[in-house]
């Protein structure tokens, strides 16, 4: 059985919401990355408690979210700026057209009879599988946000990795996420 950390589940929920707002049929890796970036807004206990987490869980989540933010900040990356730019990139231009062609749909929303649930795309499922591999390598019982960040950056030829190359050396960011996980234990 796969165990996900609470911050990872929150990022996944954010990604599903992001995909829904974009009228996407699936949660793509870019949505997951936006979810990870959005966790910056939950870096303190108060917004987590406001979401309904108890104080002990919120404190535990804060540590993991803080480690994720530290990785971004180590490379002078602003999660909020990355999130806004990636959201804009996904909602306009070629990426939306490519996504539409890839999935064989137009971004017109759910059709009658479609399930309201938004599921992960094959690429997102592959990222979760890779995150599980990273968790095992790190000796972690749970897959967490650092594992998912590393997994999203693992395919060097992915759209996400190629986009991030403008801001950072992607392999260094991936390695920093894994190193931060190891030092957290």
C-alpha atoms as a PDB file:
ATOM      1  CA  UNK A   1       0.000   0.000   0.000  1.00  0.00           C
ATOM      2  CA  UNK A   2       1.311   3.426  -0.948  1.00  0.00           C
ATOM      3  CA  UNK A   3       1.447   6.055   1.766  1.00  0.00           C
ATOM      4  CA  UNK A   4       1.369   9.721   0.831  1.00  0.00           C
ATOM      5  CA  UNK A   5       2.313  12.512   3.190  1.00  0.00           C
ATOM      6  CA  UNK A   6      -0.392  15.021   4.088  1.00  0.00           C
ATOM      7  CA  UNK A   7       1.358  17.881   2.237  1.00  0.00           C
ATOM      8  CA  UNK A   8       1.553  15.689  -0.872  1.00  0.00           C
ATOM      9  CA  UNK A   9      -2.168  14.976  -0.643  1.00  0.00           C
ATOM     10  CA  UNK A  10      -2.819  18.704  -0.261  1.00  0.00           C
ATOM     11  CA  UNK A  11      -0.659  19.475  -3.325  1.00  0.00           C
ATOM     12  CA  UNK A  12      -2.561  16.785  -5.244  1.00  0.00           C
ATOM     13  CA  UNK A  13      -5.884  18.371  -4.242  1.00  0.00           C
ATOM     14  CA  UNK A  14      -4.589  21.760  -5.356  1.00  0.00           C
ATOM     15  CA  UNK A  15      -3.470  20.222  -8.664  1.00  0.00           C
ATOM     16  CA  UNK A  16      -6.920  18.688  -9.201  1.00  0.00           C
ATOM     17  CA  UNK A  17      -8.513  22.060  -8.523  1.00  0.00           C
ATOM     18  CA  UNK A  18      -6.061  23.708 -10.903  1.00  0.00           C
ATOM     19  CA  UNK A  19      -6.883  21.167 -13.609  1.00  0.00           C
ATOM     20  CA  UNK A  20     -10.586  21.729 -13.044  1.00  0.00           C
ATOM     21  CA  UNK A  21     -10.214  25.494 -13.267  1.00  0.00           C
ATOM     22  CA  UNK A  22      -8.343  25.036 -16.536  1.00  0.00           C
ATOM     23  CA  UNK A  23     -11.102  22.690 -17.744  1.00  0.00           C
ATOM     24  CA  UNK A  24      -8.557  19.964 -18.228  1.00  0.00           C
ATOM     25  CA  UNK A  25      -9.770  16.384 -18.326  1.00  0.00           C
ATOM     26  CA  UNK A  26      -6.693  15.155 -16.474  1.00  0.00           C
ATOM     27  CA  UNK A  27      -4.206  16.277 -13.881  1.00  0.00           C
ATOM     28  CA  UNK A  28      -1.009  16.860 -15.824  1.00  0.00           C
ATOM     29  CA  UNK A  29       2.525  17.144 -14.380  1.00  0.00           C
ATOM     30  CA  UNK A  30       2.311  20.924 -14.754  1.00  0.00           C
ATOM     31  CA  UNK A  31      -0.770  20.951 -12.504  1.00  0.00           C
ATOM     32  CA  UNK A  32       1.132  18.924  -9.921  1.00  0.00           C
ATOM     33  CA  UNK A  33       4.037  21.371 -10.092  1.00  0.00           C
ATOM     34  CA  UNK A  34       1.613  24.269  -9.591  1.00  0.00           C
ATOM     35  CA  UNK A  35       0.215  22.383  -6.582  1.00  0.00           C
ATOM     36  CA  UNK A  36       3.704  22.066  -5.121  1.00  0.00           C
ATOM     37  CA  UNK A  37       4.368  25.754  -5.719  1.00  0.00           C
ATOM     38  CA  UNK A  38       1.054  26.695  -4.105  1.00  0.00           C
ATOM     39  CA  UNK A  39       2.128  24.997  -0.866  1.00  0.00           C
ATOM     40  CA  UNK A  40       4.179  28.134  -0.202  1.00  0.00           C
ATOM     41  CA  UNK A  41       0.864  29.682   0.935  1.00  0.00           C
ATOM     42  CA  UNK A  42       0.640  27.011   3.655  1.00  0.00           C
ATOM     43  CA  UNK A  43       4.121  27.493   5.117  1.00  0.00           C
ATOM     44  CA  UNK A  44       2.712  28.436   8.520  1.00  0.00           C
ATOM     45  CA  UNK A  45       0.392  26.516  10.799  1.00  0.00           C
ATOM     46  CA  UNK A  46      -2.515  28.996  10.659  1.00  0.00           C
ATOM     47  CA  UNK A  47      -3.633  28.427   7.035  1.00  0.00           C
ATOM     48  CA  UNK A  48      -3.400  24.671   7.559  1.00  0.00           C
ATOM     49  CA  UNK A  49      -5.570  24.871  10.660  1.00  0.00           C
ATOM     50  CA  UNK A  50      -7.962  27.072   8.676  1.00  0.00           C
ATOM     51  CA  UNK A  51      -8.256  24.185   6.185  1.00  0.00           C
ATOM     52  CA  UNK A  52      -9.289  21.874   9.008  1.00  0.00           C
ATOM     53  CA  UNK A  53      -6.043  20.155   9.987  1.00  0.00           C
ATOM     54  CA  UNK A  54      -5.452  19.771  13.716  1.00  0.00           C
ATOM     55  CA  UNK A  55      -2.522  21.625  15.283  1.00  0.00           C
ATOM     56  CA  UNK A  56      -0.238  18.569  15.509  1.00  0.00           C
ATOM     57  CA  UNK A  57      -0.802  17.631  11.865  1.00  0.00           C
ATOM     58  CA  UNK A  58      -0.360  21.254  10.792  1.00  0.00           C
ATOM     59  CA  UNK A  59       2.989  21.456  12.581  1.00  0.00           C
ATOM     60  CA  UNK A  60       4.175  18.222  10.965  1.00  0.00           C
ATOM     61  CA  UNK A  61       3.023  19.474   7.559  1.00  0.00           C
ATOM     62  CA  UNK A  62       4.750  22.814   8.101  1.00  0.00           C
ATOM     63  CA  UNK A  63       8.139  21.088   8.405  1.00  0.00           C
ATOM     64  CA  UNK A  64       7.740  19.263   5.078  1.00  0.00           C
ATOM     65  CA  UNK A  65       6.389  22.333   3.294  1.00  0.00           C
ATOM     66  CA  UNK A  66       9.259  24.375   4.732  1.00  0.00           C
ATOM     67  CA  UNK A  67      11.764  21.869   3.341  1.00  0.00           C
ATOM     68  CA  UNK A  68      10.151  22.135  -0.103  1.00  0.00           C
ATOM     69  CA  UNK A  69      10.201  25.932   0.000  1.00  0.00           C
ATOM     70  CA  UNK A  70      13.833  25.886   1.116  1.00  0.00           C
ATOM     71  CA  UNK A  71      14.730  23.922  -2.016  1.00  0.00           C
ATOM     72  CA  UNK A  72      13.026  26.513  -4.208  1.00  0.00           C
ATOM     73  CA  UNK A  73      14.617  29.407  -2.297  1.00  0.00           C
ATOM     74  CA  UNK A  74      18.064  27.781  -2.483  1.00  0.00           C
ATOM     75  CA  UNK A  75      17.898  28.431  -6.238  1.00  0.00           C
ATOM     76  CA  UNK A  76      16.341  31.890  -5.857  1.00  0.00           C
ATOM     77  CA  UNK A  77      13.076  30.580  -7.279  1.00  0.00           C
ATOM     78  CA  UNK A  78       9.791  32.135  -6.281  1.00  0.00           C
ATOM     79  CA  UNK A  79       7.096  29.440  -6.139  1.00  0.00           C
ATOM     80  CA  UNK A  80       4.399  32.102  -6.583  1.00  0.00           C
ATOM     81  CA  UNK A  81       6.064  33.525  -9.703  1.00  0.00           C
ATOM     82  CA  UNK A  82       6.635  30.051 -11.151  1.00  0.00           C
ATOM     83  CA  UNK A  83       3.032  29.118 -10.466  1.00  0.00           C
ATOM     84  CA  UNK A  84       1.666  32.248 -12.121  1.00  0.00           C
ATOM     85  CA  UNK A  85       3.867  31.882 -15.195  1.00  0.00           C
ATOM     86  CA  UNK A  86       3.176  28.185 -15.629  1.00  0.00           C
ATOM     87  CA  UNK A  87      -0.560  28.762 -15.177  1.00  0.00           C
ATOM     88  CA  UNK A  88      -0.437  31.472 -17.849  1.00  0.00           C
ATOM     89  CA  UNK A  89       1.636  29.223 -20.115  1.00  0.00           C
ATOM     90  CA  UNK A  90      -0.846  26.349 -19.713  1.00  0.00           C
ATOM     91  CA  UNK A  91      -3.876  28.525 -20.344  1.00  0.00           C
ATOM     92  CA  UNK A  92      -2.598  30.199 -23.491  1.00  0.00           C
ATOM     93  CA  UNK A  93      -0.488  29.370 -26.465  1.00  0.00           C
ATOM     94  CA  UNK A  94       0.778  26.151 -27.868  1.00  0.00           C
ATOM     95  CA  UNK A  95       0.776  24.103 -24.682  1.00  0.00           C
ATOM     96  CA  UNK A  96      -3.032  24.156 -24.483  1.00  0.00           C
ATOM     97  CA  UNK A  97      -3.278  23.234 -28.147  1.00  0.00           C
ATOM     98  CA  UNK A  98      -0.786  20.402 -27.730  1.00  0.00           C
ATOM     99  CA  UNK A  99      -2.643  19.152 -24.644  1.00  0.00           C
ATOM    100  CA  UNK A 100      -5.938  19.239 -26.557  1.00  0.00           C
ATOM    101  CA  UNK A 101      -4.501  17.276 -29.431  1.00  0.00           C
ATOM    102  CA  UNK A 102      -2.760  14.821 -27.109  1.00  0.00           C
ATOM    103  CA  UNK A 103      -5.965  13.998 -25.223  1.00  0.00           C
ATOM    104  CA  UNK A 104      -8.216  14.292 -28.274  1.00  0.00           C
ATOM    105  CA  UNK A 105     -10.473  16.843 -26.643  1.00  0.00           C
ATOM    106  CA  UNK A 106     -11.011  20.569 -26.676  1.00  0.00           C
ATOM    107  CA  UNK A 107     -10.988  22.528 -23.452  1.00  0.00           C
ATOM    108  CA  UNK A 108     -14.764  22.860 -23.339  1.00  0.00           C
ATOM    109  CA  UNK A 109     -15.275  21.244 -19.940  1.00  0.00           C
ATOM    110  CA  UNK A 110     -16.881  18.001 -18.940  1.00  0.00           C
ATOM    111  CA  UNK A 111     -19.489  16.560 -21.248  1.00  0.00           C
ATOM    112  CA  UNK A 112     -22.798  15.163 -20.041  1.00  0.00           C
ATOM    113  CA  UNK A 113     -22.296  11.826 -18.329  1.00  0.00           C
ATOM    114  CA  UNK A 114     -18.621  12.445 -17.552  1.00  0.00           C
ATOM    115  CA  UNK A 115     -17.440  11.770 -14.041  1.00  0.00           C
ATOM    116  CA  UNK A 116     -16.785  14.867 -11.945  1.00  0.00           C
ATOM    117  CA  UNK A 117     -13.499  13.382 -10.727  1.00  0.00           C
ATOM    118  CA  UNK A 118     -10.359  14.503 -12.471  1.00  0.00           C
ATOM    119  CA  UNK A 119      -7.814  11.715 -12.674  1.00  0.00           C
ATOM    120  CA  UNK A 120      -4.077  11.826 -13.216  1.00  0.00           C
ATOM    121  CA  UNK A 121      -2.754  11.628 -16.739  1.00  0.00           C
ATOM    122  CA  UNK A 122      -0.384   8.777 -17.638  1.00  0.00           C
ATOM    123  CA  UNK A 123       2.536  11.207 -17.269  1.00  0.00           C
ATOM    124  CA  UNK A 124       1.344  12.217 -13.793  1.00  0.00           C
ATOM    125  CA  UNK A 125       0.899   8.575 -12.797  1.00  0.00           C
ATOM    126  CA  UNK A 126       4.446   7.923 -13.999  1.00  0.00           C
ATOM    127  CA  UNK A 127       5.670  10.846 -11.865  1.00  0.00           C
ATOM    128  CA  UNK A 128       3.977   9.344  -8.796  1.00  0.00           C
ATOM    129  CA  UNK A 129       5.545   5.959  -9.567  1.00  0.00           C
ATOM    130  CA  UNK A 130       8.962   7.595  -9.853  1.00  0.00           C
ATOM    131  CA  UNK A 131       8.316   9.508  -6.602  1.00  0.00           C
ATOM    132  CA  UNK A 132       7.670   6.125  -4.994  1.00  0.00           C
ATOM    133  CA  UNK A 133      11.010   4.888  -6.291  1.00  0.00           C
ATOM    134  CA  UNK A 134      12.738   7.976  -4.853  1.00  0.00           C
ATOM    135  CA  UNK A 135      10.993   7.395  -1.494  1.00  0.00           C
ATOM    136  CA  UNK A 136      12.286   3.814  -1.445  1.00  0.00           C
ATOM    137  CA  UNK A 137      15.821   4.941  -2.325  1.00  0.00           C
ATOM    138  CA  UNK A 138      15.673   7.521   0.483  1.00  0.00           C
ATOM    139  CA  UNK A 139      14.337   4.920   2.917  1.00  0.00           C
ATOM    140  CA  UNK A 140      11.104   6.822   3.478  1.00  0.00           C
ATOM    141  CA  UNK A 141       7.860   5.102   4.434  1.00  0.00           C
ATOM    142  CA  UNK A 142       5.845   7.924   2.827  1.00  0.00           C
ATOM    143  CA  UNK A 143       6.022   9.567  -0.562  1.00  0.00           C
ATOM    144  CA  UNK A 144       6.318  13.275   0.109  1.00  0.00           C
ATOM    145  CA  UNK A 145       6.478  16.578  -1.755  1.00  0.00           C
ATOM    146  CA  UNK A 146      10.254  16.427  -2.163  1.00  0.00           C
ATOM    147  CA  UNK A 147       9.992  13.024  -3.845  1.00  0.00           C
ATOM    148  CA  UNK A 148       7.289  14.325  -6.173  1.00  0.00           C
ATOM    149  CA  UNK A 149       9.303  17.434  -7.056  1.00  0.00           C
ATOM    150  CA  UNK A 150      12.302  15.259  -7.924  1.00  0.00           C
ATOM    151  CA  UNK A 151      10.097  12.907  -9.945  1.00  0.00           C
ATOM    152  CA  UNK A 152       8.487  15.740 -11.905  1.00  0.00           C
ATOM    153  CA  UNK A 153      11.958  16.951 -12.857  1.00  0.00           C
ATOM    154  CA  UNK A 154      13.339  13.511 -13.626  1.00  0.00           C
ATOM    155  CA  UNK A 155      12.465  13.297 -17.311  1.00  0.00           C
ATOM    156  CA  UNK A 156      14.923  15.875 -18.689  1.00  0.00           C
ATOM    157  CA  UNK A 157      13.001  16.191 -21.944  1.00  0.00           C
ATOM    158  CA  UNK A 158       9.584  16.822 -20.374  1.00  0.00           C
ATOM    159  CA  UNK A 159       7.753  20.069 -21.112  1.00  0.00           C
ATOM    160  CA  UNK A 160       8.105  21.051 -17.463  1.00  0.00           C
ATOM    161  CA  UNK A 161      11.860  20.424 -17.321  1.00  0.00           C
ATOM    162  CA  UNK A 162      12.471  22.234 -20.596  1.00  0.00           C
ATOM    163  CA  UNK A 163      10.462  25.239 -19.354  1.00  0.00           C
ATOM    164  CA  UNK A 164      12.308  25.334 -16.017  1.00  0.00           C
ATOM    165  CA  UNK A 165      15.704  25.353 -17.750  1.00  0.00           C
ATOM    166  CA  UNK A 166      15.207  29.077 -18.309  1.00  0.00           C
ATOM    167  CA  UNK A 167      15.437  29.616 -14.542  1.00  0.00           C
ATOM    168  CA  UNK A 168      17.528  26.846 -13.071  1.00  0.00           C
ATOM    169  CA  UNK A 169      19.718  23.866 -13.791  1.00  0.00           C
ATOM    170  CA  UNK A 170      16.968  21.267 -13.531  1.00  0.00           C
ATOM    171  CA  UNK A 171      19.183  18.347 -12.489  1.00  0.00           C
ATOM    172  CA  UNK A 172      20.609  20.445  -9.644  1.00  0.00           C
ATOM    173  CA  UNK A 173      17.105  21.314  -8.439  1.00  0.00           C
ATOM    174  CA  UNK A 174      16.071  17.649  -8.616  1.00  0.00           C
ATOM    175  CA  UNK A 175      19.169  16.574  -6.700  1.00  0.00           C
ATOM    176  CA  UNK A 176      18.602  19.287  -4.077  1.00  0.00           C
ATOM    177  CA  UNK A 177      15.074  17.971  -3.505  1.00  0.00           C
ATOM    178  CA  UNK A 178      16.425  14.458  -2.925  1.00  0.00           C
ATOM    179  CA  UNK A 179      19.253  15.708  -0.695  1.00  0.00           C
ATOM    180  CA  UNK A 180      16.798  17.746   1.371  1.00  0.00           C
ATOM    181  CA  UNK A 181      14.729  14.602   1.847  1.00  0.00           C
ATOM    182  CA  UNK A 182      17.714  12.652   3.051  1.00  0.00           C
ATOM    183  CA  UNK A 183      18.764  15.377   5.518  1.00  0.00           C
ATOM    184  CA  UNK A 184      15.171  15.655   6.869  1.00  0.00           C
ATOM    185  CA  UNK A 185      15.252  12.074   8.179  1.00  0.00           C
END
